[in-house]
Protein backbone atom coordinates (compact mmCIF):
# COMPACT_ATOMS: atom_id res chain seq x y z
CA MET A 1 0.16 -0.14 0.19
CA VAL A 2 1.57 3.58 -0.44
CA ASN A 3 0.69 6.03 0.99
CA ASP A 4 -0.11 9.07 0.07
CA PRO A 5 1.51 11.96 0.35
CA ALA A 6 -1.30 14.46 0.95
CA GLN A 7 -2.91 12.78 3.62
CA GLU A 8 0.72 12.51 5.24
CA GLN A 9 0.88 16.37 5.05
CA SER A 10 -2.74 16.71 6.41
CA GLU A 11 -1.94 14.15 9.96
CA ALA A 12 1.53 14.90 10.06
CA GLY A 13 0.02 19.07 10.51
CA LEU A 14 -2.64 18.21 12.63
CA THR A 15 0.03 16.63 14.98
CA ASP A 16 1.73 19.35 15.12
CA ARG A 17 -1.61 21.55 15.75
CA ARG A 18 -2.20 19.26 18.90
CA ARG A 19 0.99 19.51 20.06
CA GLU A 20 1.38 24.01 19.56
CA SER A 21 -2.73 23.46 21.34
CA ILE A 22 -1.79 21.78 23.77
CA ARG A 23 1.89 23.47 23.75
CA ILE A 24 -0.47 26.45 24.61
CA GLN A 25 -2.50 25.01 27.40
CA GLN A 26 0.36 24.34 29.52
CA ILE A 27 1.65 27.63 29.34
CA GLN A 28 -2.00 29.13 29.81
CA ARG A 29 -1.52 26.91 33.49
CA ARG A 30 1.52 28.15 34.08
CA ARG A 31 0.51 31.49 33.58
CA ARG A 32 -2.03 30.85 35.67
CA VAL A 33 -0.58 29.04 37.99
CA ALA A 34 1.76 32.59 38.29
CA PHE A 35 -1.27 34.56 38.58
CA GLY A 36 -2.54 32.73 41.58
CA VAL A 37 0.65 32.79 43.07
CA ILE A 38 1.34 36.61 42.73
CA GLY A 39 -2.29 37.15 43.51
CA VAL A 40 -1.84 35.22 46.89
CA LEU A 41 1.92 36.72 47.76
CA VAL A 42 -0.05 40.62 47.56
CA LEU A 43 -2.74 39.09 49.67
CA ILE A 44 -0.01 38.46 51.96
CA VAL A 45 1.57 41.30 51.84
CA VAL A 46 -1.90 43.34 52.09
CA GLY A 47 -2.94 41.02 55.36
CA ILE A 48 1.31 41.97 56.62
CA LEU A 49 -0.01 45.14 56.11
CA PHE A 50 -3.12 45.60 57.37
CA ALA A 51 -2.03 43.50 60.38
CA GLY A 52 1.28 46.41 60.57
CA TYR A 53 -1.26 49.50 60.55
CA VAL A 54 -3.49 47.58 63.29
CA PHE A 55 -0.88 46.37 64.53
CA ILE A 56 0.00 49.81 65.82
CA PHE A 57 -2.31 52.40 65.16
CA VAL A 58 -5.76 50.97 65.46
CA ARG A 59 -5.28 48.02 68.42
CA PRO A 60 -2.91 50.49 70.58
CA PRO A 61 -4.81 53.11 71.60
CA GLN A 62 -7.45 50.42 72.52
CA GLU A 63 -6.04 48.77 74.49
CA ARG A 64 -7.42 48.81 78.10
CA VAL A 65 -5.39 49.70 80.93
CA VAL A 66 -7.76 50.71 83.60
CA SER A 67 -11.57 48.59 84.12
CA VAL A 68 -13.56 49.67 87.06
CA ASN A 69 -16.93 46.80 87.13
CA ASP A 70 -17.41 47.02 84.06
CA VAL A 71 -16.45 50.61 82.56
CA ILE A 72 -12.79 50.50 80.62
CA TYR A 73 -10.11 52.73 80.29
CA THR A 74 -7.73 52.69 76.86
CA ARG A 75 -4.38 53.83 76.28
CA GLY A 76 -6.22 55.76 74.39
CA ASP A 77 -8.46 57.69 76.60
CA MET A 78 -5.42 58.20 78.84
CA VAL A 79 -3.46 60.22 75.81
CA LYS A 80 -6.62 62.80 76.35
CA MET A 81 -6.90 62.98 79.58
CA LEU A 82 -2.97 63.57 79.42
CA ARG A 83 -3.28 66.44 76.77
CA ILE A 84 -5.79 68.75 78.43
CA ARG A 85 -3.26 68.74 81.18
CA GLN A 86 0.28 69.00 78.40
CA ARG A 87 -2.35 72.00 76.72
CA LEU A 88 -2.99 73.91 80.01
CA LEU A 89 0.32 73.52 81.77
CA GLU A 90 1.87 74.95 77.70
CA ASP A 91 -0.73 78.65 78.15
CA SER A 92 1.44 78.61 81.41
CA GLY A 93 4.79 78.21 79.88
CA GLN A 94 5.55 74.72 81.70
CA ARG A 95 5.78 71.42 80.50
CA ILE A 96 4.15 67.55 80.62
CA ASP A 97 6.05 65.89 83.28
CA THR A 98 6.71 62.45 82.64
CA GLY A 99 8.55 61.44 85.87
CA SER A 100 4.75 61.89 87.74
CA ASP A 101 2.20 63.81 85.45
CA ILE A 102 1.48 59.72 83.20
CA PHE A 103 1.56 57.77 86.62
CA GLN A 104 -0.87 60.23 88.40
CA ALA A 105 -3.10 60.01 84.99
CA LEU A 106 -3.86 56.36 86.07
CA GLN A 107 -3.83 56.55 89.02
CA LEU A 108 -7.13 59.61 88.54
CA ILE A 109 -8.70 57.72 86.66
CA VAL A 110 -9.08 55.01 88.64
CA GLU A 111 -10.37 56.95 91.43
CA ASN A 112 -12.61 59.07 89.40
CA GLU A 113 -13.88 56.40 88.05
CA ILE A 114 -14.97 54.62 91.93
CA ILE A 115 -15.69 58.59 92.35
CA SER A 116 -18.10 58.39 89.87
CA GLN A 117 -19.76 55.28 91.16
CA SER A 118 -19.71 55.95 94.01
CA ALA A 119 -20.60 59.26 94.91
CA PRO A 120 -24.72 58.88 93.88
CA SER A 121 -25.01 56.71 96.57
CA ILE A 122 -24.31 59.40 99.56
CA GLY A 123 -26.17 62.17 96.90
CA ILE A 124 -23.64 63.86 95.14
CA THR A 125 -23.83 64.78 91.40
CA VAL A 126 -22.62 67.65 88.68
CA SER A 127 -25.64 69.26 86.40
CA ASP A 128 -24.79 70.45 83.50
CA GLU A 129 -25.79 73.88 84.35
CA GLU A 130 -22.14 73.89 87.14
CA VAL A 131 -19.65 72.67 84.32
CA ASP A 132 -20.30 75.12 81.79
CA GLN A 133 -19.42 77.43 84.41
CA GLN A 134 -16.09 76.04 85.02
CA ILE A 135 -15.19 75.46 81.41
CA GLN A 136 -16.36 78.87 80.30
CA GLY A 137 -13.95 80.18 83.39
CA THR A 138 -11.04 78.39 82.94
CA ILE A 139 -11.18 79.49 79.38
CA ILE A 140 -12.05 83.46 80.23
CA PHE A 141 -8.19 82.67 82.30
CA GLN A 142 -6.76 81.19 79.94
CA SER A 143 -7.71 84.20 77.49
CA GLY A 144 -5.76 86.31 80.05
CA GLY A 145 -8.63 88.49 80.09
CA SER A 146 -8.76 89.69 76.58
CA LEU A 147 -12.53 89.57 77.53
CA ALA A 148 -12.72 91.41 79.83
CA GLY A 149 -15.41 94.48 78.91
CA LYS A 150 -17.02 92.77 76.18
CA SER A 151 -20.76 92.87 75.17
CA ASP A 152 -22.00 89.30 76.61
CA GLU A 153 -22.25 88.44 72.59
CA GLN A 154 -18.47 89.42 71.63
CA VAL A 155 -17.52 87.42 74.37
CA ASP A 156 -19.93 84.56 73.93
CA ARG A 157 -18.62 84.56 70.24
CA GLU A 158 -15.25 84.45 71.82
CA PHE A 159 -15.41 82.15 74.07
CA LYS A 160 -17.53 79.51 71.06
CA GLU A 161 -13.89 80.30 68.90
CA LEU A 162 -11.71 80.07 72.03
CA TYR A 163 -13.09 76.18 73.07
CA GLY A 164 -12.55 75.61 68.98
CA ASN A 165 -8.26 75.85 69.42
CA PHE A 166 -9.01 74.91 72.87
CA LEU A 167 -9.99 71.85 71.73
CA ASN A 168 -8.26 70.74 67.94
CA SER A 169 -5.18 71.79 70.13
CA SER A 170 -6.24 68.96 72.27
CA GLN A 171 -6.78 66.70 70.37
CA ILE A 172 -10.51 65.68 72.06
CA SER A 173 -13.83 66.10 71.00
CA GLU A 174 -16.41 68.12 73.60
CA ASP A 175 -17.92 65.27 74.43
CA GLU A 176 -14.79 64.26 75.71
CA HIS A 177 -13.87 67.04 77.38
CA ARG A 178 -17.42 67.73 78.94
CA ASP A 179 -16.98 64.27 81.17
CA ILE A 180 -13.88 65.01 81.74
CA VAL A 181 -14.68 67.94 83.61
CA ARG A 182 -17.37 66.73 85.38
CA ARG A 183 -15.57 64.11 86.77
CA SER A 184 -13.67 67.07 88.22
CA LEU A 185 -15.99 68.94 89.37
CA LEU A 186 -17.43 65.50 91.04
CA ARG A 187 -14.26 64.65 92.68
CA GLU A 188 -14.52 67.58 94.53
CA LYS A 189 -17.55 67.46 95.65
CA VAL A 190 -16.70 64.14 96.81
CA ARG A 191 -13.76 66.10 98.09
CA GLN A 192 -15.52 68.63 100.17
CA TYR A 193 -17.91 65.76 101.40
CA VAL A 194 -15.60 63.96 103.41
CA GLY A 195 -13.41 67.05 104.26
CA GLU A 196 -15.95 68.17 106.55
CA SER A 197 -15.20 65.27 109.02
CA VAL A 198 -11.63 67.25 109.46
CA PRO A 199 -11.35 69.46 112.46
CA ALA A 200 -9.91 73.05 112.32
CA VAL A 201 -8.54 72.75 116.05
CA ALA A 202 -5.94 69.79 116.09
CA LYS A 203 -2.98 69.13 117.61
CA GLN A 204 -0.21 69.84 115.97
CA TYR A 205 3.55 70.66 115.71
CA HIS A 206 6.23 73.02 115.23
CA VAL A 207 8.16 71.12 112.79
CA TYR A 208 12.42 71.28 111.38
CA ARG A 209 13.40 69.80 108.71
CA LEU A 210 17.13 68.97 106.71
CA ALA A 211 18.03 66.32 104.33
CA VAL A 212 22.21 64.90 104.58
CA SER A 213 23.85 61.39 102.33
CA GLN A 214 25.33 59.54 103.34
CA GLU A 215 28.74 61.11 102.82
CA ASP A 216 27.69 63.43 104.65
CA GLU A 217 29.38 64.03 108.81
CA ILE A 218 25.55 63.94 110.39
CA ASP A 219 27.67 63.42 113.98
CA ILE A 220 29.77 66.47 113.28
CA MET A 221 26.27 68.21 113.03
CA ILE A 222 25.26 66.71 115.68
CA THR A 223 27.34 68.08 118.08
CA LYS A 224 26.81 71.35 116.75
CA TYR A 225 23.76 71.41 117.49
CA ASN A 226 24.23 70.12 121.53
CA ASP A 227 26.80 72.16 121.26
CA TYR A 228 23.95 75.41 120.95
CA VAL A 229 21.38 74.17 122.32
CA LYS A 230 22.51 72.81 126.05
CA ASN A 231 19.38 70.95 126.29
CA SER A 232 17.34 74.27 126.27
CA THR A 233 13.88 73.95 125.19
CA ASP A 234 13.43 77.09 124.17
CA PRO A 235 11.54 77.47 120.45
CA ARG A 236 13.48 80.64 119.89
CA LEU A 237 17.00 79.57 120.33
CA LEU A 238 15.92 75.90 118.65
CA HIS A 239 15.00 77.86 116.19
CA GLU A 240 18.83 79.62 115.95
CA ALA A 241 20.47 76.09 116.54
CA PHE A 242 19.12 73.94 113.30
CA LYS A 243 18.87 77.37 111.31
CA ALA A 244 23.02 76.92 111.93
CA ILE A 245 23.47 73.41 110.60
CA THR A 246 20.62 73.73 107.91
CA ARG A 247 22.47 76.60 106.02
CA GLU A 248 26.41 73.98 106.86
CA PHE A 249 24.75 70.76 105.88
CA SER A 250 21.43 70.65 104.49
CA ARG A 251 21.11 68.88 101.09
CA GLU A 252 17.15 70.88 100.70
CA VAL A 253 15.49 72.87 97.91
CA PRO A 254 17.17 76.16 98.70
CA GLU A 255 14.43 78.02 100.01
CA LEU A 256 13.87 75.01 102.89
CA VAL A 257 17.05 76.11 103.46
CA ARG A 258 16.39 80.24 103.08
CA ARG A 259 14.34 79.27 106.04
CA GLY A 260 16.64 77.31 108.76
CA GLY A 261 14.64 74.18 108.16
CA GLU A 262 11.55 75.78 109.25
CA VAL A 263 8.19 73.90 107.45
CA GLY A 264 5.75 74.84 110.11
CA TRP A 265 2.87 73.67 112.23
CA LEU A 266 1.57 70.36 111.13
CA PRO A 267 -1.34 67.83 111.82
CA LEU A 268 -0.17 64.56 111.99
CA GLY A 269 -1.64 63.30 108.59
CA VAL A 270 -0.63 66.24 106.37
CA ILE A 271 2.80 64.28 105.71
CA GLU A 272 1.77 61.04 107.05
CA ASP A 273 5.01 58.95 105.69
CA TYR A 274 6.91 60.82 108.64
CA ASP A 275 4.66 60.52 110.96
CA ASP A 276 5.82 58.27 112.86
CA VAL A 277 9.12 60.29 113.38
CA ILE A 278 7.03 63.66 114.50
CA ALA A 279 4.84 62.16 116.95
CA ARG A 280 7.80 60.33 118.43
CA VAL A 281 10.73 62.48 118.33
CA GLU A 282 10.93 64.39 121.63
CA VAL A 283 11.29 68.41 121.90
CA GLY A 284 14.73 69.93 121.05
CA LYS A 285 16.04 66.93 120.04
CA LEU A 286 17.57 65.55 116.56
CA SER A 287 15.68 62.29 115.45
CA ASP A 288 17.83 59.13 114.12
CA PRO A 289 18.54 60.21 110.29
CA ILE A 290 15.10 59.16 108.03
CA PRO A 291 14.96 57.57 104.60
CA ASN A 292 13.83 59.97 102.75
CA ARG A 293 10.62 58.00 100.85
CA ASP A 294 11.29 60.09 97.07
CA GLN A 295 15.40 59.58 97.24
CA ARG A 296 15.97 56.67 98.68
CA GLN A 297 20.47 58.59 98.34
CA GLN A 298 18.82 61.15 100.86
CA ALA A 299 17.85 61.14 104.83
CA PHE A 300 16.08 63.72 106.68
CA VAL A 301 16.82 64.85 110.48
CA PHE A 302 13.48 66.02 111.76
CA MET A 303 13.61 68.42 114.64
CA VAL A 304 10.28 69.74 116.69
CA SER A 305 10.51 72.77 118.85
CA GLU A 306 7.01 73.01 120.09
CA ILE A 307 4.03 71.30 120.40
CA ASP A 308 0.38 72.90 121.05
CA GLU A 309 -2.72 70.74 122.04
CA LEU A 310 -5.11 72.53 120.35
CA ARG A 311 -4.36 75.04 117.25
CA GLU A 312 -6.01 76.20 114.66
CA LEU A 313 -4.91 74.49 110.81
CA ALA A 314 -3.52 76.34 108.36
CA PRO A 315 -6.02 76.63 105.40
CA VAL A 316 -2.60 74.68 103.15
CA ASN A 317 -2.94 71.78 105.67
CA HIS A 318 -6.57 72.64 106.67
CA GLU A 319 -7.23 71.62 102.93
CA ALA A 320 -4.48 69.07 102.64
CA LEU A 321 -6.23 66.66 105.43
CA LYS A 322 -8.89 67.02 103.13
CA THR A 323 -7.52 65.69 100.59
CA ARG A 324 -5.98 62.75 102.49
CA ALA A 325 -9.48 62.11 103.91
CA LEU A 326 -10.52 61.73 100.13
CA GLU A 327 -8.16 58.86 99.52
CA HIS A 328 -9.10 57.36 102.14
CA TRP A 329 -12.29 57.27 101.49
CA ILE A 330 -11.69 55.75 98.33
CA ASN A 331 -9.71 53.09 99.29
CA GLU A 332 -13.03 52.15 100.94
CA GLN A 333 -14.98 52.04 97.94
CA ARG A 334 -12.47 50.40 96.10
CA ARG A 335 -12.71 47.25 98.31
CA GLU A 336 -17.05 47.70 97.14
CA HIS A 337 -15.67 47.84 93.22
CA ASP A 338 -13.21 45.01 90.68
CA VAL A 339 -11.31 47.62 89.59
CA TYR A 340 -8.05 46.03 87.13
CA ALA A 341 -4.78 48.12 85.80
CA VAL A 342 -2.09 47.71 84.14
CA PHE A 343 0.89 49.90 82.62
CA ASN A 344 4.32 48.77 81.68
CA SER A 345 7.19 50.29 79.75
CA ASP A 346 5.78 49.52 76.46
CA ILE A 347 1.76 51.70 77.50
CA TYR A 348 4.72 53.89 78.73
CA ALA A 349 6.95 54.67 75.57
CA TRP A 350 3.30 54.88 73.71
CA ILE A 351 1.90 57.43 75.66
CA ILE A 352 5.52 59.40 75.40
CA GLN A 353 5.31 59.09 71.96
CA GLN A 354 2.10 60.20 70.70
CA LEU A 355 2.44 63.40 72.96
CA GLY A 356 5.03 64.22 71.23
CA ILE A 357 7.80 63.97 74.54
CA SER A 358 10.49 62.86 73.87
CA THR A 359 12.51 60.83 76.92
CA ALA A 360 15.30 58.96 77.18
CA ILE A 361 14.83 56.97 80.72
CA THR A 362 11.62 55.22 82.23
CA PRO A 363 10.64 56.54 85.35
CA SER A 364 9.44 54.94 88.14
CA PRO A 365 5.40 56.04 90.18
CA GLN A 366 7.13 58.34 93.05
CA PRO A 367 3.70 58.36 95.28
CA THR A 368 1.78 62.19 96.21
CA ASN A 369 3.12 63.78 98.78
CA PRO A 370 0.44 66.53 99.93
CA LEU A 371 2.93 69.18 101.16
CA GLN A 372 5.48 68.59 98.56
CA GLN A 373 4.06 71.96 96.26
CA PHE A 374 4.22 73.95 100.06
CA LEU A 375 7.37 72.60 100.12
CA GLY A 376 8.93 73.42 96.91
CA VAL A 377 9.60 70.23 95.97
CA ASN A 378 9.13 68.80 93.16
């Protein structure tokens, strides 16, 4: 049988077309696989970018730092509170103190929420009108008197403009700011309420104090003081003797050194950390060096020149005792609430970043001392 050349050519062409079709299908499959792989990689990259965005920008502000019962506060809530303080400080030419303000904000959130949940039980509330008055008073005060002498319409218009600028620069909404102001007013009302139990007259001690370090010649200081006093209990002599050693040995703040170490008349409770020392030291005698609770490299030496069993409280001390009374009341109320709080170096660094502050160290929380402002101690 003789093969037909035309038929052979036709069969060869058909085979070539089949091969070409198979090759094209293989190329198309490879392309689909490649596109699929690229698509998966793109989805992975987008997923990573989205996860990073959520992790960096969305999740941190929503992370819980405090909860009191069912009420939750986040990192973002802390930043909003701190931005208001930051703005008010900047308006007065000061800067926020990363060593205390951040930790105090955390403490205030816990305490103010406990107060907010407990105050209605003692019949204390804050009205919208009181919030309005407080905000207007603060903004007008911050204006430096620029609204004085203007008509009510002008004052209202300029107040709204100033308040709007304040909210914008603080990056906080009006409702959020009003809530913070409301809690602040509620805290003060409760402080005055529990402070009614603080008497206006109490036993008081005329207190003197100086600071020394371990390297100081403490024995020489004590000898000089005793040689000057010679067992006298004359308040004037004790004052002069303590002034002499204060100006030679004390490492206190300049204002307290200038006053010869005289803190003043104090009832117990104003500086609770040292109440036992003040109550125990004999009149005219120097106490043993007591570690400074805020600066461990220092120690305090106390002296009491007089004791008055019934003495009217100075306004600053009366207010300090009211604040102490509020602290005790909050601690009692805390037992009735489920309180959660967390704070670490990551949260601290994130808050610092949000506030636009740079710092090289992470400070430890410092205890609140009601007499710090009175003595000019930071």
